[in-house]
Amino acid sequence: MRAESNYDFSSKAPYDDNSIMCKNGDNKYPFKSLNTEISCEADVSFYNNEWSIHAPYGILGEGGIKVTSQEEVDAWVATIREACALKVAQRDKMLEAFFKHKLCKKVSFD
């Protein structure tokens, strides 16, 4: 018997198109957000009385993990959600810094 379910924790970059501004005198240049959707989906399957969990971003390693109870599945899924949210936040912070630097060269930031 094989049962499958997906836990989807998708989130979007928390930027509006004008959320990041750089200023040069009175001229302001808006940061154009990518607003790309990030998938934080954990793949969970049940086979031979064992749950198999795989997560994005290498959170659980390449092979994922195996557990034997629904409670363990729920606990791991909550952990994956937190870890993925941190990775999405790190990615967003790096994108912000990169685009500020690229779009606002030789400009002071507000």
N, C-alpha and C. Protein backbone atom coordinates (compact mmCIF):
# COMPACT_ATOMS: atom_id res chain seq x y z
N MET A 1 0.85 -1.19 0.00
CA MET A 1 0.00 0.00 0.00
C MET A 1 0.89 1.24 0.00
N ARG A 2 0.59 2.16 -0.88
CA ARG A 2 1.39 3.37 -0.99
C ARG A 2 0.46 4.58 -0.95
N ALA A 3 0.74 5.48 -0.02
CA ALA A 3 -0.04 6.72 0.08
C ALA A 3 0.91 7.89 -0.11
N GLU A 4 0.48 8.91 -0.82
CA GLU A 4 1.34 10.07 -1.04
C GLU A 4 0.59 11.34 -0.69
N SER A 5 1.34 12.28 -0.17
CA SER A 5 0.76 13.61 0.08
C SER A 5 1.86 14.63 -0.04
N ASN A 6 1.49 15.83 -0.38
CA ASN A 6 2.46 16.92 -0.50
C ASN A 6 2.10 18.02 0.47
N TYR A 7 3.09 18.54 1.14
CA TYR A 7 2.93 19.70 1.99
C TYR A 7 3.54 20.87 1.24
N ASP A 8 2.75 21.83 0.88
CA ASP A 8 3.25 22.94 0.08
C ASP A 8 3.35 24.20 0.93
N PHE A 9 4.56 24.73 1.05
CA PHE A 9 4.78 25.94 1.84
C PHE A 9 5.28 27.06 0.94
N SER A 10 4.67 27.21 -0.21
CA SER A 10 5.13 28.23 -1.15
C SER A 10 5.02 29.62 -0.56
N SER A 11 5.96 30.44 -0.92
CA SER A 11 5.90 31.84 -0.48
C SER A 11 6.43 32.71 -1.60
N LYS A 12 6.13 33.95 -1.53
CA LYS A 12 6.61 34.88 -2.55
C LYS A 12 7.59 35.85 -1.92
N ALA A 13 8.47 36.36 -2.75
CA ALA A 13 9.39 37.38 -2.26
C ALA A 13 8.55 38.55 -1.75
N PRO A 14 8.86 39.06 -0.56
CA PRO A 14 8.00 40.05 0.08
C PRO A 14 8.25 41.48 -0.39
N TYR A 15 8.45 41.65 -1.70
CA TYR A 15 8.76 42.99 -2.20
C TYR A 15 7.66 43.51 -3.10
N ASP A 16 7.36 44.76 -2.97
CA ASP A 16 6.59 45.46 -3.98
C ASP A 16 7.61 46.03 -4.96
N ASP A 17 7.14 46.46 -6.13
CA ASP A 17 8.08 46.95 -7.12
C ASP A 17 8.90 48.15 -6.64
N ASN A 18 8.35 48.95 -5.74
CA ASN A 18 9.06 50.13 -5.28
C ASN A 18 9.55 50.01 -3.84
N SER A 19 9.69 48.78 -3.35
CA SER A 19 10.02 48.63 -1.94
C SER A 19 11.48 48.94 -1.62
N ILE A 20 12.35 48.86 -2.59
CA ILE A 20 13.76 49.15 -2.35
C ILE A 20 14.12 50.36 -3.18
N MET A 21 14.58 51.41 -2.53
CA MET A 21 14.89 52.64 -3.24
C MET A 21 16.34 53.03 -2.99
N CYS A 22 16.97 53.58 -4.02
CA CYS A 22 18.26 54.20 -3.81
C CYS A 22 18.12 55.65 -4.26
N LYS A 23 18.95 56.50 -3.72
CA LYS A 23 18.74 57.93 -3.92
C LYS A 23 20.05 58.59 -4.38
N ASN A 24 19.97 59.41 -5.37
CA ASN A 24 21.10 60.20 -5.84
C ASN A 24 20.58 61.63 -5.97
N GLY A 25 20.88 62.45 -4.98
CA GLY A 25 20.29 63.78 -4.95
C GLY A 25 18.80 63.64 -4.79
N ASP A 26 18.03 64.23 -5.69
CA ASP A 26 16.58 64.13 -5.62
C ASP A 26 16.03 63.01 -6.50
N ASN A 27 16.91 62.32 -7.22
CA ASN A 27 16.44 61.26 -8.12
C ASN A 27 16.35 59.94 -7.38
N LYS A 28 15.20 59.30 -7.45
CA LYS A 28 15.04 57.98 -6.84
C LYS A 28 14.85 56.96 -7.94
N TYR A 29 15.48 55.80 -7.72
CA TYR A 29 15.39 54.74 -8.70
C TYR A 29 14.76 53.52 -8.03
N PRO A 30 13.61 53.08 -8.51
CA PRO A 30 12.96 51.93 -7.85
C PRO A 30 13.67 50.62 -8.15
N PHE A 31 13.68 49.75 -7.16
CA PHE A 31 14.16 48.37 -7.34
C PHE A 31 13.03 47.58 -7.94
N LYS A 32 13.27 46.93 -9.05
CA LYS A 32 12.23 46.12 -9.69
C LYS A 32 12.32 44.72 -9.12
N SER A 33 11.30 44.31 -8.40
CA SER A 33 11.28 43.02 -7.75
C SER A 33 11.10 41.89 -8.77
N LEU A 34 11.73 40.76 -8.47
CA LEU A 34 11.50 39.59 -9.30
C LEU A 34 10.18 38.92 -8.96
N ASN A 35 9.75 39.05 -7.69
CA ASN A 35 8.50 38.43 -7.22
C ASN A 35 8.37 36.98 -7.67
N THR A 36 9.45 36.24 -7.57
CA THR A 36 9.41 34.84 -7.99
C THR A 36 8.89 33.97 -6.87
N GLU A 37 8.11 33.00 -7.23
CA GLU A 37 7.55 32.09 -6.23
C GLU A 37 8.58 31.03 -5.88
N ILE A 38 8.70 30.75 -4.61
CA ILE A 38 9.64 29.75 -4.11
C ILE A 38 8.83 28.57 -3.61
N SER A 39 9.21 27.40 -4.05
CA SER A 39 8.50 26.20 -3.58
C SER A 39 9.24 25.60 -2.40
N CYS A 40 8.52 25.38 -1.32
CA CYS A 40 9.07 24.73 -0.13
C CYS A 40 8.29 23.44 0.10
N GLU A 41 8.18 22.64 -0.91
CA GLU A 41 7.35 21.46 -0.82
C GLU A 41 8.13 20.27 -0.26
N ALA A 42 7.54 19.62 0.71
CA ALA A 42 8.11 18.39 1.25
C ALA A 42 7.35 17.22 0.64
N ASP A 43 8.07 16.29 0.08
CA ASP A 43 7.44 15.10 -0.50
C ASP A 43 7.41 14.00 0.56
N VAL A 44 6.21 13.53 0.84
CA VAL A 44 6.03 12.51 1.87
C VAL A 44 5.34 11.30 1.24
N SER A 45 5.92 10.13 1.42
CA SER A 45 5.28 8.92 0.91
C SER A 45 5.34 7.82 1.97
N PHE A 46 4.41 6.89 1.87
CA PHE A 46 4.32 5.79 2.84
C PHE A 46 4.42 4.48 2.08
N TYR A 47 5.36 3.63 2.48
CA TYR A 47 5.54 2.34 1.82
C TYR A 47 6.14 1.35 2.82
N ASN A 48 5.57 0.14 2.89
CA ASN A 48 6.06 -0.90 3.81
C ASN A 48 6.16 -0.40 5.26
N ASN A 49 5.12 0.21 5.75
CA ASN A 49 5.05 0.69 7.14
C ASN A 49 6.12 1.73 7.48
N GLU A 50 6.56 2.48 6.49
CA GLU A 50 7.60 3.48 6.72
C GLU A 50 7.30 4.74 5.91
N TRP A 51 7.46 5.89 6.53
CA TRP A 51 7.27 7.17 5.86
C TRP A 51 8.62 7.64 5.34
N SER A 52 8.62 8.13 4.12
CA SER A 52 9.83 8.69 3.52
C SER A 52 9.58 10.18 3.27
N ILE A 53 10.50 11.01 3.72
CA ILE A 53 10.34 12.47 3.59
C ILE A 53 11.53 13.05 2.85
N HIS A 54 11.24 13.81 1.81
CA HIS A 54 12.28 14.53 1.07
C HIS A 54 11.93 16.01 1.10
N ALA A 55 12.94 16.85 1.20
CA ALA A 55 12.71 18.29 1.31
C ALA A 55 13.57 19.04 0.29
N PRO A 56 13.15 20.26 -0.07
CA PRO A 56 13.94 21.07 -1.02
C PRO A 56 15.18 21.66 -0.36
N TYR A 57 16.05 22.22 -1.17
CA TYR A 57 17.24 22.95 -0.71
C TYR A 57 18.20 22.07 0.07
N GLY A 58 18.11 20.76 -0.06
CA GLY A 58 19.01 19.87 0.67
C GLY A 58 18.83 19.91 2.17
N ILE A 59 17.66 20.34 2.63
CA ILE A 59 17.41 20.49 4.07
C ILE A 59 17.58 19.16 4.80
N LEU A 60 17.17 18.07 4.18
CA LEU A 60 17.31 16.76 4.81
C LEU A 60 18.38 15.91 4.13
N GLY A 61 19.23 16.53 3.33
CA GLY A 61 20.23 15.78 2.59
C GLY A 61 19.62 15.20 1.32
N GLU A 62 20.45 14.58 0.52
CA GLU A 62 19.99 14.07 -0.77
C GLU A 62 19.01 12.92 -0.65
N GLY A 63 19.23 12.05 0.33
CA GLY A 63 18.38 10.87 0.44
C GLY A 63 17.12 11.06 1.26
N GLY A 64 16.96 12.20 1.88
CA GLY A 64 15.80 12.41 2.74
C GLY A 64 15.93 11.58 4.01
N ILE A 65 14.81 11.36 4.67
CA ILE A 65 14.81 10.55 5.90
C ILE A 65 13.63 9.60 5.89
N LYS A 66 13.69 8.60 6.76
CA LYS A 66 12.59 7.66 6.92
C LYS A 66 12.17 7.66 8.39
N VAL A 67 10.86 7.66 8.62
CA VAL A 67 10.31 7.63 9.97
C VAL A 67 9.18 6.61 10.01
N THR A 68 8.72 6.29 11.22
CA THR A 68 7.71 5.23 11.33
C THR A 68 6.36 5.70 11.87
N SER A 69 6.21 6.97 12.22
CA SER A 69 4.92 7.42 12.75
C SER A 69 4.48 8.73 12.12
N GLN A 70 3.16 8.92 12.10
CA GLN A 70 2.59 10.17 11.58
C GLN A 70 3.04 11.36 12.41
N GLU A 71 3.23 11.17 13.72
CA GLU A 71 3.69 12.26 14.59
C GLU A 71 5.08 12.73 14.18
N GLU A 72 5.95 11.78 13.83
CA GLU A 72 7.29 12.14 13.38
C GLU A 72 7.23 12.90 12.05
N VAL A 73 6.32 12.45 11.17
CA VAL A 73 6.14 13.14 9.89
C VAL A 73 5.75 14.59 10.14
N ASP A 74 4.75 14.80 11.00
CA ASP A 74 4.27 16.15 11.29
C ASP A 74 5.38 17.02 11.88
N ALA A 75 6.18 16.44 12.78
CA ALA A 75 7.28 17.20 13.39
C ALA A 75 8.32 17.57 12.35
N TRP A 76 8.68 16.63 11.46
CA TRP A 76 9.67 16.92 10.43
C TRP A 76 9.15 17.95 9.44
N VAL A 77 7.86 17.85 9.09
CA VAL A 77 7.29 18.82 8.15
C VAL A 77 7.34 20.23 8.75
N ALA A 78 7.06 20.36 10.05
CA ALA A 78 7.16 21.66 10.71
C ALA A 78 8.59 22.17 10.68
N THR A 79 9.55 21.29 10.91
CA THR A 79 10.97 21.66 10.87
C THR A 79 11.37 22.11 9.47
N ILE A 80 10.90 21.37 8.46
CA ILE A 80 11.20 21.73 7.07
C ILE A 80 10.62 23.10 6.74
N ARG A 81 9.40 23.37 7.22
CA ARG A 81 8.77 24.67 6.98
C ARG A 81 9.64 25.80 7.53
N GLU A 82 10.13 25.64 8.76
CA GLU A 82 10.96 26.67 9.38
C GLU A 82 12.29 26.83 8.64
N ALA A 83 12.93 25.72 8.32
CA ALA A 83 14.22 25.77 7.63
C ALA A 83 14.07 26.39 6.25
N CYS A 84 13.01 26.04 5.56
CA CYS A 84 12.78 26.58 4.22
C CYS A 84 12.51 28.08 4.29
N ALA A 85 11.74 28.52 5.27
CA ALA A 85 11.45 29.95 5.42
C ALA A 85 12.75 30.72 5.64
N LEU A 86 13.67 30.15 6.41
CA LEU A 86 14.96 30.80 6.62
C LEU A 86 15.75 30.88 5.32
N LYS A 87 15.73 29.80 4.54
CA LYS A 87 16.46 29.81 3.27
C LYS A 87 15.85 30.81 2.29
N VAL A 88 14.52 30.92 2.26
CA VAL A 88 13.86 31.89 1.39
C VAL A 88 14.25 33.31 1.83
N ALA A 89 14.26 33.56 3.14
CA ALA A 89 14.63 34.88 3.65
C ALA A 89 16.07 35.21 3.29
N GLN A 90 16.97 34.23 3.40
CA GLN A 90 18.37 34.45 3.03
C GLN A 90 18.48 34.77 1.55
N ARG A 91 17.74 34.03 0.74
CA ARG A 91 17.77 34.29 -0.70
C ARG A 91 17.27 35.70 -1.01
N ASP A 92 16.18 36.09 -0.35
CA ASP A 92 15.63 37.42 -0.59
C ASP A 92 16.61 38.50 -0.18
N LYS A 93 17.29 38.29 0.93
CA LYS A 93 18.27 39.28 1.40
C LYS A 93 19.43 39.41 0.42
N MET A 94 19.89 38.28 -0.11
CA MET A 94 20.97 38.31 -1.10
C MET A 94 20.52 38.98 -2.39
N LEU A 95 19.29 38.69 -2.83
CA LEU A 95 18.77 39.33 -4.03
C LEU A 95 18.68 40.84 -3.85
N GLU A 96 18.19 41.24 -2.69
CA GLU A 96 18.05 42.67 -2.41
C GLU A 96 19.41 43.35 -2.47
N ALA A 97 20.41 42.78 -1.81
CA ALA A 97 21.75 43.37 -1.80
C ALA A 97 22.33 43.41 -3.21
N PHE A 98 22.16 42.34 -3.95
CA PHE A 98 22.71 42.28 -5.31
C PHE A 98 22.09 43.35 -6.20
N PHE A 99 20.76 43.44 -6.18
CA PHE A 99 20.11 44.39 -7.07
C PHE A 99 20.32 45.83 -6.62
N LYS A 100 20.39 46.06 -5.31
CA LYS A 100 20.71 47.41 -4.85
C LYS A 100 22.08 47.82 -5.39
N HIS A 101 23.04 46.91 -5.29
CA HIS A 101 24.40 47.21 -5.76
C HIS A 101 24.40 47.43 -7.27
N LYS A 102 23.72 46.54 -7.99
CA LYS A 102 23.74 46.59 -9.45
C LYS A 102 22.99 47.82 -9.98
N LEU A 103 21.83 48.13 -9.38
CA LEU A 103 21.01 49.22 -9.90
C LEU A 103 21.38 50.58 -9.33
N CYS A 104 22.07 50.58 -8.19
CA CYS A 104 22.33 51.83 -7.50
C CYS A 104 23.82 52.09 -7.34
N LYS A 105 24.62 51.71 -8.32
CA LYS A 105 26.06 51.93 -8.25
C LYS A 105 26.37 53.41 -8.06
N LYS A 106 27.38 53.66 -7.26
CA LYS A 106 27.83 55.03 -7.00
C LYS A 106 26.71 55.91 -6.46
N VAL A 107 25.81 55.30 -5.72
CA VAL A 107 24.67 56.02 -5.16
C VAL A 107 24.58 55.66 -3.69
N SER A 108 24.22 56.62 -2.87
CA SER A 108 24.05 56.30 -1.44
C SER A 108 22.66 55.73 -1.23
N PHE A 109 22.55 54.82 -0.27
CA PHE A 109 21.26 54.20 0.02
C PHE A 109 20.54 54.95 1.12
N ASP A 110 19.21 55.01 1.00
CA ASP A 110 18.38 55.57 2.09
C ASP A 110 18.23 54.54 3.16
